[in-house]
Structure formats: C-alpha cells, structure tokens
Amino acid sequence: MPTVDSNGVRGGEIVYASSKNKAMLMPDLRGRSVRDVARTCSQLGLQMEARGEGRVLRQNPSAGSEVNTGQVVYLDFGRAQ
C-alpha cells in the first residue's frame, strides 16, 4: 500500500494520492493546526469532527486509509509537552 505523508516535513505540503476504487487515500494530518486541517478536509470534501486544541495528535481514519467524499474524519488535538 502506498504511504501518504507530508514528504517527511511537518509544515510542508500534503501529498494527496488516489486509490483504485475512486476513493482517496487519507493524508497524514498529525502535527497540523486546526485551521490547516479544516482547509485540507474542505478541499478533499471530507467532514471533520475535532476534539481539543493545538495540533493533531490522533486521526481516524489513519493515514493511507481509503476515504470517500463526505466521510467524517475524527481528530484529536492537543499540545506537545
């Protein structure tokens, strides 16, 4: 399965990939701000449900999973200690 990440650089561009079944592969949103994630989800046609504040600590579906337009992405935000 191909990997989907931000080219190994947090704060860099997100790389989008498509799958064979007209679905998209979920990008790795960990470490990104609420505003950045909201923009990305909007561009991909995904709904987001967020908890907390700060940067993404966990996401579901995980990076590389197939997602469809309109699907809900669950995100936990927090601050690094």
C-alpha atoms as a PDB file:
ATOM      1  CA  MET A   1       0.000   0.000   0.000  1.00  0.00           C
ATOM      2  CA  PRO A   2       1.416   3.430  -0.849  1.00  0.00           C
ATOM      3  CA  THR A   3       2.230   5.731   2.009  1.00  0.00           C
ATOM      4  CA  VAL A   4       0.675   9.157   2.321  1.00  0.00           C
ATOM      5  CA  ASP A   5       2.557  11.803   4.217  1.00  0.00           C
ATOM      6  CA  SER A   6       3.756  15.355   4.024  1.00  0.00           C
ATOM      7  CA  ASN A   7       7.058  14.479   2.343  1.00  0.00           C
ATOM      8  CA  GLY A   8       8.555  13.891   5.773  1.00  0.00           C
ATOM      9  CA  VAL A   9       8.424  17.591   6.639  1.00  0.00           C
ATOM     10  CA  ARG A  10       5.852  18.908   9.097  1.00  0.00           C
ATOM     11  CA  GLY A  11       4.554  22.214   7.850  1.00  0.00           C
ATOM     12  CA  GLY A  12       5.275  21.228   4.238  1.00  0.00           C
ATOM     13  CA  GLU A  13       2.751  20.430   1.570  1.00  0.00           C
ATOM     14  CA  ILE A  14       0.395  17.489   1.987  1.00  0.00           C
ATOM     15  CA  VAL A  15       0.697  14.858  -0.715  1.00  0.00           C
ATOM     16  CA  TYR A  16      -2.627  13.507  -1.955  1.00  0.00           C
ATOM     17  CA  ALA A  17      -2.936  10.117  -3.584  1.00  0.00           C
ATOM     18  CA  SER A  18      -5.854   8.372  -5.183  1.00  0.00           C
ATOM     19  CA  SER A  19      -6.704   4.702  -4.933  1.00  0.00           C
ATOM     20  CA  LYS A  20      -8.084   2.291  -7.480  1.00  0.00           C
ATOM     21  CA  ASN A  21     -11.690   2.371  -6.202  1.00  0.00           C
ATOM     22  CA  LYS A  22     -12.481   6.059  -6.840  1.00  0.00           C
ATOM     23  CA  ALA A  23     -11.669   6.718  -3.208  1.00  0.00           C
ATOM     24  CA  MET A  24      -8.869   8.899  -1.889  1.00  0.00           C
ATOM     25  CA  LEU A  25      -6.120   7.900   0.477  1.00  0.00           C
ATOM     26  CA  MET A  26      -6.253   9.757   3.776  1.00  0.00           C
ATOM     27  CA  PRO A  27      -3.303  12.130   4.220  1.00  0.00           C
ATOM     28  CA  ASP A  28      -1.273  12.197   7.436  1.00  0.00           C
ATOM     29  CA  LEU A  29      -2.657  15.199   9.343  1.00  0.00           C
ATOM     30  CA  ARG A  30      -0.702  14.658  12.563  1.00  0.00           C
ATOM     31  CA  GLY A  31       1.105  17.772  13.765  1.00  0.00           C
ATOM     32  CA  ARG A  32      -1.110  20.151  11.779  1.00  0.00           C
ATOM     33  CA  SER A  33      -3.192  23.031  13.133  1.00  0.00           C
ATOM     34  CA  VAL A  34      -6.986  23.138  13.287  1.00  0.00           C
ATOM     35  CA  ARG A  35      -7.082  25.772  10.544  1.00  0.00           C
ATOM     36  CA  ASP A  36      -4.782  23.777   8.260  1.00  0.00           C
ATOM     37  CA  VAL A  37      -6.762  20.567   8.786  1.00  0.00           C
ATOM     38  CA  ALA A  38     -10.092  22.343   8.190  1.00  0.00           C
ATOM     39  CA  ARG A  39      -8.769  23.699   4.884  1.00  0.00           C
ATOM     40  CA  THR A  40      -7.457  20.290   3.813  1.00  0.00           C
ATOM     41  CA  CYS A  41     -10.687  18.484   4.708  1.00  0.00           C
ATOM     42  CA  SER A  42     -12.709  21.100   2.847  1.00  0.00           C
ATOM     43  CA  GLN A  43     -10.552  20.721  -0.266  1.00  0.00           C
ATOM     44  CA  LEU A  44     -10.971  16.938  -0.151  1.00  0.00           C
ATOM     45  CA  GLY A  45     -14.717  17.095   0.546  1.00  0.00           C
ATOM     46  CA  LEU A  46     -14.331  15.448   3.959  1.00  0.00           C
ATOM     47  CA  GLN A  47     -16.273  16.317   7.104  1.00  0.00           C
ATOM     48  CA  MET A  48     -14.295  16.723  10.286  1.00  0.00           C
ATOM     49  CA  GLU A  49     -15.113  16.153  13.926  1.00  0.00           C
ATOM     50  CA  ALA A  50     -12.467  17.670  16.173  1.00  0.00           C
ATOM     51  CA  ARG A  51     -11.767  17.475  19.908  1.00  0.00           C
ATOM     52  CA  GLY A  52      -9.266  19.607  21.791  1.00  0.00           C
ATOM     53  CA  GLU A  53      -6.983  22.376  20.628  1.00  0.00           C
ATOM     54  CA  GLY A  54      -3.439  22.703  19.394  1.00  0.00           C
ATOM     55  CA  ARG A  55      -2.150  20.250  16.784  1.00  0.00           C
ATOM     56  CA  VAL A  56      -3.426  16.877  15.592  1.00  0.00           C
ATOM     57  CA  LEU A  57      -2.277  14.063  17.868  1.00  0.00           C
ATOM     58  CA  ARG A  58      -4.502  11.282  16.502  1.00  0.00           C
ATOM     59  CA  GLN A  59      -6.706  10.822  13.466  1.00  0.00           C
ATOM     60  CA  ASN A  60      -9.255   8.275  12.333  1.00  0.00           C
ATOM     61  CA  PRO A  61      -9.184   7.043   9.609  1.00  0.00           C
ATOM     62  CA  SER A  62      -5.437   6.655   9.723  1.00  0.00           C
ATOM     63  CA  ALA A  63      -3.080   7.962   7.047  1.00  0.00           C
ATOM     64  CA  GLY A  64      -3.175   5.800   3.933  1.00  0.00           C
ATOM     65  CA  SER A  65      -6.735   4.518   4.534  1.00  0.00           C
ATOM     66  CA  GLU A  66      -9.249   4.840   1.723  1.00  0.00           C
ATOM     67  CA  VAL A  67     -11.786   7.630   2.274  1.00  0.00           C
ATOM     68  CA  ASN A  68     -14.733   8.855   0.241  1.00  0.00           C
ATOM     69  CA  THR A  69     -16.103  12.334  -0.297  1.00  0.00           C
ATOM     70  CA  GLY A  70     -18.395  13.309   2.573  1.00  0.00           C
ATOM     71  CA  GLN A  71     -16.805  10.870   5.024  1.00  0.00           C
ATOM     72  CA  VAL A  72     -16.258  12.061   8.608  1.00  0.00           C
ATOM     73  CA  VAL A  73     -12.668  12.343   9.853  1.00  0.00           C
ATOM     74  CA  TYR A  74     -12.242  12.209  13.648  1.00  0.00           C
ATOM     75  CA  LEU A  75      -9.351  14.257  15.009  1.00  0.00           C
ATOM     76  CA  ASP A  76      -7.892  14.655  18.496  1.00  0.00           C
ATOM     77  CA  PHE A  77      -5.930  17.867  19.007  1.00  0.00           C
ATOM     78  CA  GLY A  78      -3.550  18.654  21.849  1.00  0.00           C
ATOM     79  CA  ARG A  79      -0.383  20.434  22.812  1.00  0.00           C
ATOM     80  CA  ALA A  80       3.016  18.741  22.928  1.00  0.00           C
ATOM     81  CA  GLN A  81       4.590  18.658  26.379  1.00  0.00           C
END
